Amino acid sequence: MTEQPPHDVLPAPDRIIDPGLPHRQRTLVLLAPHALLTPAGEDTVPRPRLRSPFRPALAVLLKGSIPVATGALLLYALDRAAAPSSVRHPFALEALARGLAQRAVPYMYPGVMALALFVGVLALVAAMECASDNRWLRALADAHGHYVLVDELTDDAWDLLHRAHRAQHVIMESRVHREDLIDRAANEHMLPAQLWEIASSLALYSKLCRQEPDHPQGAALIRVLRDRRRALEVSLHGVTCRVRALENYAQQSAEADARYAELEQIQYLSDRSDQVLDLVARTAGDEHAVEEVAGMAAQAESVTDAFGQALREALEAGRAALPR
């Protein structure tokens, strides 16, 4: 039987997302930093801190006004320097400066205009990015209740969720699933839904556990807590049964995988049995050769039966773990 991957090979996810959430919101929740997500157990969702798009645009315009103003002043100075002088015989240095200014002014006008346009584009981009961030924050706020953060779970709930996640991974990575021998479509639809239902139930269980007082006092309160904890244990037992059903499905899928690989190897050898038959016929006689090849065929048939049985058990385990 194929063993499930150890914990260090398959780390537990830090969040479980409702598969019914729209794809865009699922992607946002998946990529969002942990600090922007609110645990599902929180009764109130903090309103997202939205910024006005005008604030970053105004900041860019204020910063960009410095080089634009500098360019405008330089253009003004060059324009004044390029103006005709009333002196009939200017100094040679003054004439050289006026000539350079007259050549530079035609290039300065479009340069200053281009710089001002560039600053305006940067301000528009900053405003659009701010608006996009606001839409992202609103989408995350709307998605609250459709994801579970693993660190909000109690230790026993975290262990159950990790076991369910590992079982799902084993099933989805099995060959019998990839080759659609155990209802691939149902697995891809039902397994994420099962994992989400388990995660949301464990999140509620963890929330109720944390609501209990740390130091209860009074006989009446202790009796209430005892009854409450008994009810929580019953609910946790129900989730545990679902997780065990998934683990049984994963075990049967891994067993079917192992039988499948064994059957392929035997079929590979059986396809080349003619060569064995020729060799045995040359050395030990036809009768003995027929017996050897017949034994190989019987072994292949038994392994085929074992694979069929393993596949049937995997299908039955899938029906039990993924009720329609």
Protein backbone atom coordinates (compact mmCIF):
# COMPACT_ATOMS: atom_id res chain seq x y z
CA MET A 1 0.00 0.00 0.00
CA THR A 2 1.27 3.47 -0.84
CA GLU A 3 1.98 5.48 2.28
CA GLN A 4 0.62 8.95 2.73
CA PRO A 5 3.19 11.70 2.53
CA PRO A 6 4.69 12.81 5.84
CA HIS A 7 3.91 16.16 7.41
CA ASP A 8 7.11 17.79 6.14
CA VAL A 9 6.31 16.80 2.54
CA LEU A 10 2.72 18.07 2.64
CA PRO A 11 2.52 21.11 4.94
CA ALA A 12 -0.86 22.14 6.22
CA PRO A 13 -2.43 25.07 4.36
CA ASP A 14 -2.76 28.33 6.27
CA ARG A 15 -6.29 28.94 4.93
CA ILE A 16 -9.21 26.94 3.52
CA ILE A 17 -11.44 28.74 1.02
CA ASP A 18 -15.06 28.09 0.18
CA PRO A 19 -15.10 26.48 -3.31
CA GLY A 20 -18.39 28.25 -3.99
CA LEU A 21 -16.70 31.65 -3.84
CA PRO A 22 -16.27 33.29 -7.28
CA HIS A 23 -12.92 32.60 -8.87
CA ARG A 24 -11.75 36.22 -8.65
CA GLN A 25 -12.50 36.44 -4.93
CA ARG A 26 -10.91 33.03 -4.32
CA THR A 27 -7.74 34.27 -6.00
CA LEU A 28 -7.74 37.48 -3.93
CA VAL A 29 -8.19 35.57 -0.66
CA LEU A 30 -5.51 33.08 -1.67
CA LEU A 31 -2.97 35.81 -2.44
CA ALA A 32 -3.94 38.23 0.33
CA PRO A 33 -1.45 38.78 3.18
CA HIS A 34 -2.50 37.09 6.39
CA ALA A 35 -2.78 40.46 8.18
CA LEU A 36 -5.62 41.55 5.85
CA LEU A 37 -7.78 38.48 6.60
CA THR A 38 -10.22 38.28 9.49
CA PRO A 39 -10.79 34.95 11.26
CA ALA A 40 -14.14 33.34 10.51
CA GLY A 41 -14.88 33.23 14.24
CA GLU A 42 -14.99 37.01 14.53
CA ASP A 43 -18.54 38.25 15.07
CA THR A 44 -17.86 41.63 13.50
CA VAL A 45 -15.81 42.27 10.39
CA PRO A 46 -13.70 45.42 10.54
CA ARG A 47 -14.57 47.81 7.76
CA PRO A 48 -11.78 48.12 5.20
CA ARG A 49 -9.73 51.28 5.49
CA LEU A 50 -10.34 52.81 2.08
CA ARG A 51 -8.35 55.77 0.79
CA SER A 52 -9.53 58.46 -1.56
CA PRO A 53 -7.85 58.12 -4.98
CA PHE A 54 -7.32 61.89 -4.99
CA ARG A 55 -4.82 61.74 -2.13
CA PRO A 56 -2.07 59.73 -3.90
CA ALA A 57 -2.75 61.65 -7.13
CA LEU A 58 -2.37 64.97 -5.30
CA ALA A 59 0.87 63.77 -3.69
CA VAL A 60 2.31 62.90 -7.10
CA LEU A 61 1.24 66.26 -8.52
CA LEU A 62 2.85 68.14 -5.65
CA LYS A 63 6.11 66.26 -6.02
CA GLY A 64 6.05 66.55 -9.80
CA SER A 65 5.38 70.28 -9.68
CA ILE A 66 8.97 70.90 -8.49
CA PRO A 67 10.75 69.69 -11.67
CA VAL A 68 7.99 71.17 -13.85
CA ALA A 69 8.33 74.58 -12.16
CA THR A 70 12.12 74.37 -12.42
CA GLY A 71 11.85 73.63 -16.14
CA ALA A 72 9.40 76.49 -16.62
CA LEU A 73 11.73 78.94 -14.86
CA LEU A 74 14.66 77.75 -16.92
CA LEU A 75 12.59 78.18 -20.08
CA TYR A 76 11.66 81.68 -19.03
CA ALA A 77 15.30 82.57 -18.36
CA LEU A 78 16.42 81.19 -21.71
CA ASP A 79 13.61 82.98 -23.48
CA ARG A 80 14.68 86.28 -21.91
CA ALA A 81 18.29 85.61 -22.78
CA ALA A 82 17.36 84.85 -26.40
CA ALA A 83 15.44 88.14 -26.77
CA PRO A 84 17.13 90.79 -29.04
CA SER A 85 19.24 93.32 -27.14
CA SER A 86 19.13 97.09 -27.64
CA VAL A 87 22.92 97.25 -27.53
CA ARG A 88 24.36 97.55 -31.05
CA HIS A 89 27.72 95.95 -30.29
CA PRO A 90 27.30 93.32 -27.58
CA PHE A 91 30.24 91.59 -26.03
CA ALA A 92 31.35 88.37 -27.63
CA LEU A 93 30.40 86.28 -24.53
CA GLU A 94 26.96 87.83 -24.42
CA ALA A 95 26.44 87.14 -28.11
CA LEU A 96 27.48 83.50 -27.60
CA ALA A 97 25.04 83.10 -24.70
CA ARG A 98 22.21 84.63 -26.73
CA GLY A 99 22.93 82.29 -29.59
CA LEU A 100 22.88 79.21 -27.36
CA ALA A 101 19.65 80.37 -25.73
CA GLN A 102 18.01 80.88 -29.12
CA ARG A 103 18.95 77.31 -30.10
CA ALA A 104 17.78 75.81 -26.78
CA VAL A 105 14.39 77.51 -26.49
CA PRO A 106 12.70 75.49 -29.32
CA TYR A 107 13.67 72.27 -27.51
CA MET A 108 12.71 73.47 -24.03
CA TYR A 109 9.05 74.12 -24.86
CA PRO A 110 8.21 70.47 -25.80
CA GLY A 111 10.49 69.23 -23.00
CA VAL A 112 8.59 71.11 -20.31
CA MET A 113 5.26 70.04 -21.83
CA ALA A 114 6.35 66.41 -21.93
CA LEU A 115 7.48 66.59 -18.28
CA ALA A 116 4.14 68.07 -17.22
CA LEU A 117 2.31 65.35 -19.18
CA PHE A 118 4.46 62.65 -17.56
CA VAL A 119 3.63 63.95 -14.07
CA GLY A 120 -0.06 63.96 -14.97
CA VAL A 121 0.12 60.36 -16.15
CA LEU A 122 1.87 59.31 -12.94
CA ALA A 123 -0.86 61.00 -10.90
CA LEU A 124 -3.54 59.16 -12.90
CA VAL A 125 -1.76 55.82 -12.40
CA ALA A 126 -1.50 56.46 -8.65
CA ALA A 127 -5.24 57.23 -8.48
CA MET A 128 -6.09 54.05 -10.44
CA GLU A 129 -3.88 51.90 -8.21
CA CYS A 130 -5.57 53.32 -5.12
CA ALA A 131 -9.00 52.61 -6.59
CA SER A 132 -7.88 49.06 -7.42
CA ASP A 133 -6.66 48.56 -3.85
CA ASN A 134 -10.02 49.77 -2.56
CA ARG A 135 -11.86 47.26 -4.75
CA TRP A 136 -9.52 44.54 -3.48
CA LEU A 137 -10.19 45.46 0.16
CA ARG A 138 -13.94 45.51 -0.45
CA ALA A 139 -13.76 42.07 -2.10
CA LEU A 140 -11.84 40.69 0.89
CA ALA A 141 -14.43 42.14 3.27
CA ASP A 142 -17.25 40.58 1.23
CA ALA A 143 -15.44 37.24 1.29
CA HIS A 144 -15.43 37.09 5.10
CA GLY A 145 -17.10 33.91 6.27
CA HIS A 146 -16.02 32.13 3.09
CA TYR A 147 -12.53 31.25 4.32
CA VAL A 148 -11.07 29.70 7.46
CA LEU A 149 -7.65 30.59 8.83
CA VAL A 150 -5.88 27.57 10.24
CA ASP A 151 -4.39 29.49 13.16
CA GLU A 152 -7.88 30.24 14.50
CA LEU A 153 -8.49 26.53 15.15
CA THR A 154 -7.88 24.70 18.39
CA ASP A 155 -5.20 22.01 18.39
CA ASP A 156 -7.61 19.08 18.04
CA ALA A 157 -9.51 20.87 15.26
CA TRP A 158 -6.24 21.71 13.47
CA ASP A 159 -5.20 18.04 13.59
CA LEU A 160 -8.50 16.91 12.04
CA LEU A 161 -8.27 19.52 9.29
CA HIS A 162 -4.70 18.50 8.47
CA ARG A 163 -5.75 14.86 8.26
CA ALA A 164 -8.61 15.74 5.91
CA HIS A 165 -6.30 17.82 3.74
CA ARG A 166 -3.76 14.99 3.52
CA ALA A 167 -6.49 12.50 2.58
CA GLN A 168 -7.73 14.81 -0.16
CA HIS A 169 -4.18 15.18 -1.47
CA VAL A 170 -3.66 11.40 -1.60
CA ILE A 171 -6.91 10.89 -3.51
CA MET A 172 -6.33 13.70 -6.00
CA GLU A 173 -2.75 12.56 -6.69
CA SER A 174 -3.60 8.88 -7.16
CA ARG A 175 -3.36 7.32 -10.61
CA VAL A 176 -6.81 5.78 -10.35
CA HIS A 177 -8.18 9.31 -9.89
CA ARG A 178 -6.11 10.89 -12.67
CA GLU A 179 -7.11 8.13 -15.09
CA ASP A 180 -10.79 8.46 -14.08
CA LEU A 181 -11.11 4.98 -12.63
CA ILE A 182 -12.81 6.22 -9.42
CA ASP A 183 -15.09 9.01 -10.73
CA ARG A 184 -12.68 11.87 -11.24
CA ALA A 185 -15.45 14.44 -11.84
CA ALA A 186 -17.15 13.66 -8.53
CA ASN A 187 -13.83 13.86 -6.68
CA GLU A 188 -12.93 17.25 -8.14
CA HIS A 189 -16.36 18.62 -7.29
CA MET A 190 -17.08 16.98 -3.93
CA LEU A 191 -13.67 16.79 -2.23
CA PRO A 192 -13.14 20.59 -2.02
CA ALA A 193 -16.72 20.96 -0.77
CA GLN A 194 -16.12 18.27 1.86
CA LEU A 195 -12.90 19.93 3.01
CA TRP A 196 -14.65 23.30 3.26
CA GLU A 197 -17.55 21.85 5.28
CA ILE A 198 -15.09 20.21 7.64
CA ALA A 199 -13.07 23.43 7.99
CA SER A 200 -16.13 25.62 8.63
CA SER A 201 -17.46 23.16 11.22
CA LEU A 202 -14.09 23.07 12.97
CA ALA A 203 -13.90 26.87 12.93
CA LEU A 204 -17.28 27.11 14.68
CA TYR A 205 -16.24 24.39 17.12
CA SER A 206 -13.03 26.29 17.94
CA LYS A 207 -14.94 29.54 18.40
CA LEU A 208 -17.36 27.91 20.85
CA CYS A 209 -14.49 26.31 22.76
CA ARG A 210 -12.73 29.65 23.17
CA GLN A 211 -15.91 31.27 24.49
CA GLU A 212 -15.73 29.18 27.66
CA PRO A 213 -14.37 30.93 30.76
CA ASP A 214 -10.87 29.96 31.79
CA HIS A 215 -11.68 29.74 35.51
CA PRO A 216 -15.37 28.76 35.96
CA GLN A 217 -16.78 29.22 39.44
CA GLY A 218 -20.01 27.93 40.83
CA ALA A 219 -21.62 24.51 40.66
CA ALA A 220 -24.34 25.63 38.25
CA LEU A 221 -21.82 27.08 35.81
CA ILE A 222 -19.72 23.92 35.98
CA ARG A 223 -22.76 21.78 35.17
CA VAL A 224 -23.63 24.02 32.22
CA LEU A 225 -20.07 23.80 30.96
CA ARG A 226 -20.10 20.02 31.35
CA ASP A 227 -23.24 19.71 29.24
CA ARG A 228 -21.87 22.18 26.73
CA ARG A 229 -18.60 20.32 26.37
CA ARG A 230 -20.44 17.05 25.95
CA ALA A 231 -22.41 18.58 23.06
CA LEU A 232 -19.19 19.93 21.54
CA GLU A 233 -17.61 16.48 21.82
CA VAL A 234 -20.57 14.98 19.97
CA SER A 235 -20.18 17.52 17.16
CA LEU A 236 -16.43 16.92 17.00
CA HIS A 237 -17.06 13.17 16.83
CA GLY A 238 -19.28 13.73 13.80
CA VAL A 239 -16.51 15.67 12.05
CA THR A 240 -14.03 12.97 13.04
CA CYS A 241 -16.20 10.34 11.37
CA ARG A 242 -16.21 12.37 8.15
CA VAL A 243 -12.44 12.70 8.28
CA ARG A 244 -12.05 8.95 8.87
CA ALA A 245 -14.28 8.27 5.85
CA LEU A 246 -12.01 10.47 3.72
CA GLU A 247 -8.93 8.71 5.11
CA ASN A 248 -10.46 5.33 4.30
CA TYR A 249 -11.16 6.55 0.76
CA ALA A 250 -7.55 7.74 0.48
CA GLN A 251 -6.26 4.40 1.79
CA GLN A 252 -8.36 2.43 -0.69
CA SER A 253 -7.22 4.70 -3.52
CA ALA A 254 -3.59 4.16 -2.55
CA GLU A 255 -4.20 0.40 -2.37
CA ALA A 256 -5.76 0.44 -5.84
CA ASP A 257 -2.75 2.40 -7.08
CA ALA A 258 -0.41 -0.25 -5.70
CA ARG A 259 -2.37 -3.08 -7.32
CA TYR A 260 -2.51 -1.08 -10.57
CA ALA A 261 1.27 -0.72 -10.64
CA GLU A 262 1.70 -4.42 -9.85
CA LEU A 263 -0.72 -5.38 -12.61
CA GLU A 264 1.15 -3.22 -15.14
CA GLN A 265 4.45 -4.89 -14.27
CA ILE A 266 2.96 -8.37 -14.59
CA GLN A 267 1.33 -7.44 -17.90
CA TYR A 268 4.69 -6.13 -19.09
CA LEU A 269 6.27 -9.50 -18.30
CA SER A 270 3.31 -11.42 -19.74
CA ASP A 271 3.61 -9.57 -23.05
CA ARG A 272 7.13 -11.00 -23.31
CA SER A 273 6.19 -14.52 -22.23
CA ASP A 274 6.84 -15.86 -25.75
CA GLN A 275 10.54 -15.29 -25.22
CA VAL A 276 10.40 -17.19 -21.93
CA LEU A 277 8.43 -19.96 -23.65
CA ASP A 278 11.09 -20.31 -26.35
CA LEU A 279 13.88 -20.43 -23.80
CA VAL A 280 12.18 -23.02 -21.58
CA ALA A 281 11.19 -25.11 -24.63
CA ARG A 282 14.80 -25.31 -25.67
CA THR A 283 16.03 -26.34 -22.24
CA ALA A 284 13.29 -28.28 -20.47
CA GLY A 285 10.70 -29.41 -23.02
CA ASP A 286 7.41 -28.06 -24.24
CA GLU A 287 5.30 -29.53 -21.44
CA HIS A 288 7.32 -27.84 -18.72
CA ALA A 289 7.32 -24.58 -20.69
CA VAL A 290 3.53 -24.60 -20.97
CA GLU A 291 3.21 -25.16 -17.23
CA GLU A 292 5.52 -22.21 -16.47
CA VAL A 293 3.68 -19.83 -18.76
CA ALA A 294 0.32 -21.05 -17.47
CA GLY A 295 1.50 -20.25 -13.95
CA MET A 296 2.45 -16.72 -15.04
CA ALA A 297 -0.97 -16.28 -16.63
CA ALA A 298 -2.71 -17.48 -13.47
CA GLN A 299 -0.66 -15.06 -11.39
CA ALA A 300 -1.58 -12.22 -13.74
CA GLU A 301 -5.24 -13.19 -13.47
CA SER A 302 -5.09 -13.20 -9.67
CA VAL A 303 -3.45 -9.77 -9.62
CA THR A 304 -6.10 -8.52 -12.05
CA ASP A 305 -8.79 -9.79 -9.70
CA ALA A 306 -7.02 -8.11 -6.78
CA PHE A 307 -6.88 -4.83 -8.69
CA GLY A 308 -10.55 -5.09 -9.55
CA GLN A 309 -11.40 -5.76 -5.91
CA ALA A 310 -9.22 -2.83 -4.75
CA LEU A 311 -10.87 -0.57 -7.31
CA ARG A 312 -14.35 -1.64 -6.18
CA GLU A 313 -13.44 -0.99 -2.56
CA ALA A 314 -12.10 2.45 -3.49
CA LEU A 315 -15.34 3.24 -5.32
CA GLU A 316 -17.40 2.11 -2.33
CA ALA A 317 -15.23 4.18 0.01
CA GLY A 318 -15.71 7.16 -2.29
CA ARG A 319 -19.48 6.76 -2.21
CA ALA A 320 -19.36 6.67 1.58
CA ALA A 321 -17.04 9.67 1.87
CA LEU A 322 -18.70 11.75 -0.85
CA PRO A 323 -22.46 11.32 -0.47
CA ARG A 324 -24.40 12.51 -3.47
